[in-house]
Amino acid sequence: MKSIESATLFLQSCFDEKGLPEGYTEKNLLDLYSLSADPSFAANLFKIATTIRDLNLGSSPWWSAGISAITPCEIEPSCTYCTFFTRSAAEIEDIVAAAQAIASLGIRHLHLSGGSRLATEGAAFSGYDSQMIDLVSAIKDAVDMEIEVNVGPSLTRKGVRALQKLGVVAVTSSLEVFNSNLFERYKPGDSLSGRIRLMEICEEEGMPIRSMILVGLGESDEDRIAHLIFLRRFSMLRHLRFSRFIPFPNATAGGVRCSPWPVARLIAVARLLLPTIDLGLAAGNSPDDLPLWWLAGGGNQVLGASVSMRVPQGKGTGEGHVITVNERVAVHNKMQQITRYLDELGLTPIFLK
């Protein structure tokens, strides 16, 4: 498949099957991704990707919210492109108060994320097992919300089982970059095998999985497609997020921010490969990325609120407002801005019941 004509025929077969046809190859996907650098071909790819999304997931975005900095990062040496390690963890009482403020907005889906402490499989609750069990229990006692957790490779099988009993709806294990040499270079203290193992544990235990692909760290097109194909083996995968690399201030990795174009194209190819998976946006993206994300077949979860675990500053901007929870915690309500962006696409975000 070396021409746009033959690639277009392959795309049509994807549409007919509501996903990839039998007998597809990794090269088929790589060719699609490469050719989609041409906007005229990308338009065809995006059209089929959005059709597949609408057939499988519908065309109604729904509200979610996130609380970060729930656990400190103890990875040593620190990841070179991340400054999360400079943050300290919030108190459980503050996290619960933030969750209650989010629930007051009508949002019933919450993603908890924090730093990592590598778990030791077989140990009696190592990593962040105990901390996450205590935190989820406290939030569940206070509000009725769907909860997902993301603390990297910090959970054991016992921890996953305990969180499953508490009603956690998904555990995140983000491989970020599916190239062991790049992973080791940029994440020298982390464990790619540990992250893969957590996904395997969730698969074996029937725990829904979230994962994330970081685009623009230096990986090749082949790495990106291989990453997608690897993830397809997990039947419990429910949500895959895409992050644009951004050189955070004071991070040692340096580099230049990734364009939204390769991210959108990868989302469209992912939609062919993973027709029923919620393909979302992660760190490095902004509300300005929503139109291209939607047109590329992304959907359906949108972030309506986030939390700052610090002294709130000011009263927000015209694009949203800040809810002061206490002297340490503020909830940033982004729903007004996001609603306008989606409305201009003819979309109306909904609340989970």
Protein backbone atom coordinates (compact mmCIF):
# COMPACT_ATOMS: atom_id res chain seq x y z
CA MET A 1 0.00 0.00 0.00
CA LYS A 2 2.26 2.75 -1.30
CA SER A 3 -0.25 5.09 -2.91
CA ILE A 4 -3.09 7.22 -1.67
CA GLU A 5 -5.40 5.32 -4.03
CA SER A 6 -4.63 1.90 -2.52
CA ALA A 7 -4.69 3.35 0.99
CA THR A 8 -8.13 4.82 0.30
CA LEU A 9 -9.39 1.39 -0.72
CA PHE A 10 -8.01 -0.04 2.50
CA LEU A 11 -9.76 2.71 4.45
CA GLN A 12 -13.05 1.82 2.79
CA SER A 13 -12.63 -1.77 3.92
CA CYS A 14 -12.16 -0.47 7.47
CA PHE A 15 -15.44 1.38 7.21
CA ASP A 16 -17.26 -1.67 5.90
CA GLU A 17 -16.04 -3.70 8.87
CA LYS A 18 -16.54 -0.90 11.42
CA GLY A 19 -12.85 -1.28 12.14
CA LEU A 20 -9.89 -3.06 10.65
CA PRO A 21 -10.54 -5.94 8.25
CA GLU A 22 -9.16 -9.40 8.84
CA GLY A 23 -5.61 -9.84 7.60
CA TYR A 24 -4.46 -6.27 8.21
CA THR A 25 -0.75 -5.83 8.82
CA GLU A 26 1.36 -3.48 10.87
CA LYS A 27 2.60 -2.07 7.57
CA ASN A 28 -0.98 -1.23 6.56
CA LEU A 29 -1.32 0.92 9.66
CA LEU A 30 2.10 2.47 9.27
CA ASP A 31 1.28 3.42 5.69
CA LEU A 32 -2.01 4.98 6.77
CA TYR A 33 -0.25 6.98 9.44
CA SER A 34 2.50 8.11 7.09
CA LEU A 35 0.12 9.11 4.29
CA SER A 36 -2.11 11.01 6.71
CA ALA A 37 0.60 13.67 6.98
CA ASP A 38 -1.08 14.89 3.77
CA PRO A 39 -4.20 16.80 4.90
CA SER A 40 -6.20 15.66 1.87
CA PHE A 41 -5.70 12.01 2.82
CA ALA A 42 -6.11 12.76 6.52
CA ALA A 43 -9.60 14.10 5.77
CA ASN A 44 -10.63 10.67 4.47
CA LEU A 45 -9.03 8.92 7.44
CA PHE A 46 -10.73 11.28 9.90
CA LYS A 47 -14.13 10.82 8.25
CA ILE A 48 -14.02 7.06 8.62
CA ALA A 49 -12.58 7.28 12.13
CA THR A 50 -15.43 9.54 13.28
CA THR A 51 -18.02 7.27 11.67
CA ILE A 52 -16.57 4.29 13.55
CA ARG A 53 -16.56 6.33 16.77
CA ASP A 54 -20.20 7.34 16.36
CA LEU A 55 -21.28 3.77 15.56
CA ASN A 56 -19.57 2.33 18.63
CA LEU A 57 -19.61 5.09 21.25
CA GLY A 58 -22.17 7.59 20.03
CA SER A 59 -21.57 11.28 19.47
CA SER A 60 -22.20 12.73 22.93
CA PRO A 61 -19.15 13.82 24.96
CA TRP A 62 -19.53 13.37 28.71
CA TRP A 63 -18.05 15.17 31.69
CA SER A 64 -15.20 13.94 33.84
CA ALA A 65 -12.87 15.61 36.33
CA GLY A 66 -9.39 15.03 37.71
CA ILE A 67 -7.48 15.44 40.95
CA SER A 68 -3.70 15.19 40.75
CA ALA A 69 -0.84 15.24 43.28
CA ILE A 70 -2.58 12.63 45.43
CA THR A 71 0.71 10.83 46.12
CA PRO A 72 4.32 12.04 45.97
CA CYS A 73 6.60 10.63 43.31
CA GLU A 74 9.42 8.53 44.74
CA ILE A 75 10.92 7.46 41.40
CA GLU A 76 14.71 7.87 41.53
CA PRO A 77 16.30 9.09 39.36
CA SER A 78 13.39 11.31 38.37
CA CYS A 79 11.89 11.25 34.89
CA THR A 80 13.74 13.87 32.86
CA TYR A 81 10.70 15.43 31.17
CA CYS A 82 8.49 15.65 34.25
CA THR A 83 8.42 18.07 37.17
CA PHE A 84 5.81 16.13 39.11
CA PHE A 85 8.46 14.90 41.54
CA THR A 86 8.69 18.42 42.98
CA ARG A 87 5.14 18.18 44.34
CA SER A 88 4.12 16.87 47.72
CA ALA A 89 1.00 14.82 48.28
CA ALA A 90 -2.26 16.35 49.43
CA GLU A 91 -4.01 15.34 52.63
CA ILE A 92 -6.91 12.90 52.33
CA GLU A 93 -9.27 15.46 53.85
CA ASP A 94 -8.40 17.98 51.15
CA ILE A 95 -8.83 15.44 48.35
CA VAL A 96 -12.25 14.43 49.71
CA ALA A 97 -13.27 18.08 49.97
CA ALA A 98 -12.19 18.62 46.35
CA ALA A 99 -14.21 15.57 45.25
CA GLN A 100 -17.28 16.97 47.01
CA ALA A 101 -16.83 20.32 45.24
CA ILE A 102 -16.56 18.53 41.90
CA ALA A 103 -19.70 16.51 42.66
CA SER A 104 -21.55 19.77 43.37
CA LEU A 105 -20.99 20.67 39.69
CA GLY A 106 -22.90 17.54 38.65
CA ILE A 107 -19.82 15.57 37.57
CA ARG A 108 -19.95 11.92 38.58
CA HIS A 109 -16.66 10.62 37.15
CA LEU A 110 -13.33 11.25 38.86
CA HIS A 111 -9.77 10.43 37.85
CA LEU A 112 -7.21 10.38 40.68
CA SER A 113 -3.56 10.68 39.66
CA GLY A 114 -0.31 10.92 41.56
CA GLY A 115 3.35 10.07 41.62
CA SER A 116 4.75 6.56 41.75
CA ARG A 117 6.38 4.27 44.26
CA LEU A 118 7.43 1.05 42.56
CA ALA A 119 5.49 -1.92 43.86
CA THR A 120 6.98 -5.30 44.73
CA GLU A 121 4.81 -8.07 43.40
CA GLY A 122 4.07 -10.74 46.00
CA ALA A 123 4.54 -8.34 48.90
CA ALA A 124 1.66 -7.77 51.28
CA PHE A 125 0.49 -4.39 49.97
CA SER A 126 3.54 -2.54 48.69
CA GLY A 127 3.83 0.53 46.47
CA TYR A 128 0.79 2.73 47.02
CA ASP A 129 -1.73 -0.06 47.64
CA SER A 130 -2.64 1.00 51.18
CA GLN A 131 -2.71 4.73 50.40
CA MET A 132 -5.07 4.26 47.46
CA ILE A 133 -7.35 1.93 49.40
CA ASP A 134 -7.65 4.49 52.20
CA LEU A 135 -8.19 7.38 49.80
CA VAL A 136 -10.81 5.66 47.65
CA SER A 137 -12.65 4.48 50.78
CA ALA A 138 -12.76 8.02 52.12
CA ILE A 139 -14.06 9.48 48.84
CA LYS A 140 -16.66 6.72 48.48
CA ASP A 141 -17.93 7.48 51.99
CA ALA A 142 -18.39 11.14 51.04
CA VAL A 143 -19.69 11.18 47.44
CA ASP A 144 -21.27 8.90 44.85
CA MET A 145 -18.80 8.97 41.96
CA GLU A 146 -17.11 6.64 39.52
CA ILE A 147 -13.41 6.60 40.43
CA GLU A 148 -10.35 5.75 38.34
CA VAL A 149 -6.83 5.72 39.75
CA ASN A 150 -3.40 6.41 38.26
CA VAL A 151 -0.27 6.08 40.37
CA GLY A 152 1.94 4.46 37.76
CA PRO A 153 3.38 0.98 38.51
CA SER A 154 2.55 1.36 42.21
CA LEU A 155 -0.12 -1.31 42.67
CA THR A 156 0.18 -5.03 43.32
CA ARG A 157 -2.36 -7.72 42.51
CA LYS A 158 -3.65 -7.48 46.08
CA GLY A 159 -4.05 -3.75 45.69
CA VAL A 160 -5.93 -4.11 42.40
CA ARG A 161 -8.25 -6.68 43.96
CA ALA A 162 -8.94 -4.43 46.94
CA LEU A 163 -9.68 -1.41 44.73
CA GLN A 164 -11.95 -3.56 42.59
CA LYS A 165 -13.97 -4.50 45.68
CA LEU A 166 -14.27 -0.80 46.52
CA GLY A 167 -15.84 -0.18 43.11
CA VAL A 168 -12.93 1.49 41.31
CA VAL A 169 -13.91 1.48 37.63
CA ALA A 170 -10.41 1.52 36.08
CA VAL A 171 -6.70 1.45 36.87
CA THR A 172 -4.25 3.39 34.73
CA SER A 173 -0.92 2.05 33.58
CA SER A 174 0.64 4.41 31.05
CA LEU A 175 3.47 2.96 29.00
CA GLU A 176 4.03 6.47 27.57
CA VAL A 177 6.64 5.46 25.00
CA PHE A 178 6.89 1.95 23.55
CA ASN A 179 10.60 2.04 22.94
CA SER A 180 12.71 0.56 25.74
CA ASN A 181 15.79 2.65 24.91
CA LEU A 182 13.83 5.93 24.96
CA PHE A 183 11.98 4.87 28.09
CA GLU A 184 15.23 4.16 29.91
CA ARG A 185 16.80 7.41 28.70
CA TYR A 186 13.94 9.66 29.79
CA LYS A 187 12.60 7.59 32.71
CA PRO A 188 15.75 6.03 34.22
CA GLY A 189 14.21 5.28 37.60
CA ASP A 190 10.92 3.93 36.30
CA SER A 191 10.02 0.46 35.05
CA LEU A 192 8.47 -0.25 31.65
CA SER A 193 8.19 -3.92 32.56
CA GLY A 194 6.47 -2.95 35.82
CA ARG A 195 3.92 -0.87 33.92
CA ILE A 196 3.26 -3.71 31.48
CA ARG A 197 2.95 -6.14 34.39
CA LEU A 198 0.31 -3.95 36.04
CA MET A 199 -1.68 -4.04 32.80
CA GLU A 200 -1.35 -7.84 32.74
CA ILE A 201 -2.55 -8.05 36.36
CA CYS A 202 -5.58 -5.89 35.58
CA GLU A 203 -6.32 -8.06 32.53
CA GLU A 204 -6.13 -11.22 34.63
CA GLU A 205 -8.28 -9.75 37.42
CA GLY A 206 -10.93 -8.30 35.12
CA MET A 207 -10.11 -4.72 36.12
CA PRO A 208 -10.73 -2.17 33.33
CA ILE A 209 -7.52 -0.53 32.11
CA ARG A 210 -6.63 3.02 31.15
CA SER A 211 -3.35 3.79 29.41
CA MET A 212 -1.58 6.73 27.78
CA ILE A 213 0.69 7.34 24.79
CA LEU A 214 3.13 10.24 24.90
CA VAL A 215 3.68 11.63 21.40
CA GLY A 216 6.76 13.64 20.45
CA LEU A 217 9.41 12.39 22.86
CA GLY A 218 11.58 11.18 19.99
CA GLU A 219 9.85 7.93 19.14
CA SER A 220 9.51 6.85 15.51
CA ASP A 221 6.29 6.30 13.57
CA GLU A 222 7.04 2.58 13.85
CA ASP A 223 7.18 2.91 17.65
CA ARG A 224 3.80 4.65 17.73
CA ILE A 225 2.06 2.02 15.62
CA ALA A 226 3.72 -0.85 17.51
CA HIS A 227 2.45 0.74 20.73
CA LEU A 228 -1.13 0.71 19.47
CA ILE A 229 -0.87 -2.88 18.27
CA PHE A 230 0.56 -3.97 21.63
CA LEU A 231 -2.31 -2.37 23.52
CA ARG A 232 -4.88 -4.17 21.41
CA ARG A 233 -4.00 -7.44 23.12
CA PHE A 234 -5.66 -6.23 26.35
CA SER A 235 -9.36 -7.02 26.29
CA MET A 236 -9.86 -4.94 29.46
CA LEU A 237 -8.52 -1.75 27.87
CA ARG A 238 -11.28 0.85 28.11
CA HIS A 239 -9.62 4.24 27.72
CA LEU A 240 -6.48 5.32 25.89
CA ARG A 241 -5.27 8.90 26.26
CA PHE A 242 -2.86 10.80 24.06
CA SER A 243 -0.40 13.33 25.45
CA ARG A 244 1.50 15.97 23.47
CA PHE A 245 5.09 16.23 24.64
CA ILE A 246 5.77 19.60 26.19
CA PRO A 247 9.11 20.71 27.67
CA PHE A 248 8.08 21.70 31.19
CA PRO A 249 10.08 24.48 32.84
CA ASN A 250 13.00 23.15 34.91
CA ALA A 251 12.77 19.68 33.35
CA THR A 252 16.13 18.44 32.09
CA ALA A 253 14.86 16.73 28.91
CA GLY A 254 14.49 19.98 26.98
CA GLY A 255 13.10 19.67 23.49
CA VAL A 256 10.27 21.33 21.57
CA ARG A 257 6.54 20.92 22.13
CA CYS A 258 4.90 18.35 19.89
CA SER A 259 2.49 19.58 17.22
CA PRO A 260 -1.18 18.52 17.55
CA TRP A 261 -1.09 17.12 14.00
CA PRO A 262 0.75 13.82 14.64
CA VAL A 263 -1.40 13.31 17.75
CA ALA A 264 -4.65 13.70 15.80
CA ARG A 265 -3.43 11.37 13.06
CA LEU A 266 -2.46 8.73 15.62
CA ILE A 267 -5.88 9.02 17.26
CA ALA A 268 -7.53 8.38 13.89
CA VAL A 269 -5.43 5.26 13.27
CA ALA A 270 -6.12 4.13 16.84
CA ARG A 271 -9.84 4.44 16.16
CA LEU A 272 -9.51 1.89 13.33
CA LEU A 273 -7.55 -0.46 15.56
CA LEU A 274 -9.55 0.12 18.76
CA PRO A 275 -13.08 0.94 17.57
CA THR A 276 -14.80 0.64 20.96
CA ILE A 277 -12.17 2.35 23.15
CA ASP A 278 -12.59 5.87 24.53
CA LEU A 279 -9.69 7.81 23.01
CA GLY A 280 -8.99 10.89 25.12
CA LEU A 281 -6.57 13.75 25.58
CA ALA A 282 -3.98 13.93 28.35
CA ALA A 283 -1.33 16.36 29.62
CA GLY A 284 0.23 18.65 27.06
CA ASN A 285 -3.09 19.25 25.33
CA SER A 286 -5.44 22.17 25.91
CA PRO A 287 -9.10 22.96 25.12
CA ASP A 288 -7.87 24.34 21.79
CA ASP A 289 -7.08 20.75 20.79
CA LEU A 290 -10.68 19.58 21.22
CA PRO A 291 -11.96 20.26 17.66
CA LEU A 292 -9.12 18.39 15.96
CA TRP A 293 -9.38 15.57 18.51
CA TRP A 294 -13.10 15.15 17.86
CA LEU A 295 -12.74 15.30 14.09
CA ALA A 296 -10.01 12.64 14.25
CA GLY A 297 -12.32 10.13 15.94
CA GLY A 298 -11.52 10.88 19.58
CA GLY A 299 -14.12 10.72 22.30
CA ASN A 300 -16.08 10.79 24.43
CA GLN A 301 -14.72 11.86 27.83
CA VAL A 302 -13.97 15.56 28.38
CA LEU A 303 -12.34 17.17 31.41
CA GLY A 304 -14.75 19.64 32.95
CA ALA A 305 -12.89 20.39 36.16
CA SER A 306 -9.44 20.00 37.68
CA VAL A 307 -7.97 20.67 41.10
CA SER A 308 -5.05 22.73 42.35
CA MET A 309 -3.57 21.56 45.63
CA ARG A 310 -2.15 24.96 46.49
CA VAL A 311 -3.25 28.34 47.79
CA PRO A 312 -5.78 29.61 45.21
CA GLN A 313 -4.71 32.75 43.38
CA GLY A 314 -7.21 35.25 42.01
CA LYS A 315 -10.73 34.52 40.84
CA GLY A 316 -10.09 32.82 37.55
CA THR A 317 -10.58 34.15 34.05
CA GLY A 318 -13.43 34.79 31.71
CA GLU A 319 -13.07 31.22 30.41
CA GLY A 320 -14.02 29.62 33.70
CA HIS A 321 -13.99 30.17 37.41
CA VAL A 322 -12.23 28.95 40.51
CA ILE A 323 -14.07 27.35 43.40
CA THR A 324 -12.10 27.91 46.59
CA VAL A 325 -12.49 24.77 48.69
CA ASN A 326 -10.20 25.88 51.51
CA GLU A 327 -6.94 27.73 51.93
CA ARG A 328 -5.04 24.88 50.24
CA VAL A 329 -7.41 23.60 47.55
CA ALA A 330 -9.16 25.12 44.53
CA VAL A 331 -11.37 23.50 41.87
CA HIS A 332 -11.04 24.97 38.39
CA ASN A 333 -14.40 24.72 36.62
CA LYS A 334 -13.73 24.57 32.88
CA MET A 335 -17.19 23.55 31.76
CA GLN A 336 -18.24 26.94 30.42
CA GLN A 337 -15.24 27.12 28.10
CA ILE A 338 -15.46 23.48 27.02
CA THR A 339 -19.20 23.77 26.42
CA ARG A 340 -18.66 26.69 24.06
CA TYR A 341 -15.96 24.82 22.12
CA LEU A 342 -18.15 21.73 21.79
CA ASP A 343 -21.28 23.74 20.98
CA GLU A 344 -19.47 25.19 17.99
CA LEU A 345 -18.99 21.59 16.82
CA GLY A 346 -22.71 20.95 17.25
CA LEU A 347 -22.10 18.87 20.38
CA THR A 348 -23.72 18.98 23.81
CA PRO A 349 -21.74 17.37 26.66
CA ILE A 350 -23.76 15.26 29.08
CA PHE A 351 -23.42 14.21 32.72
CA LEU A 352 -23.10 10.61 33.77
CA LYS A 353 -26.03 9.51 35.91
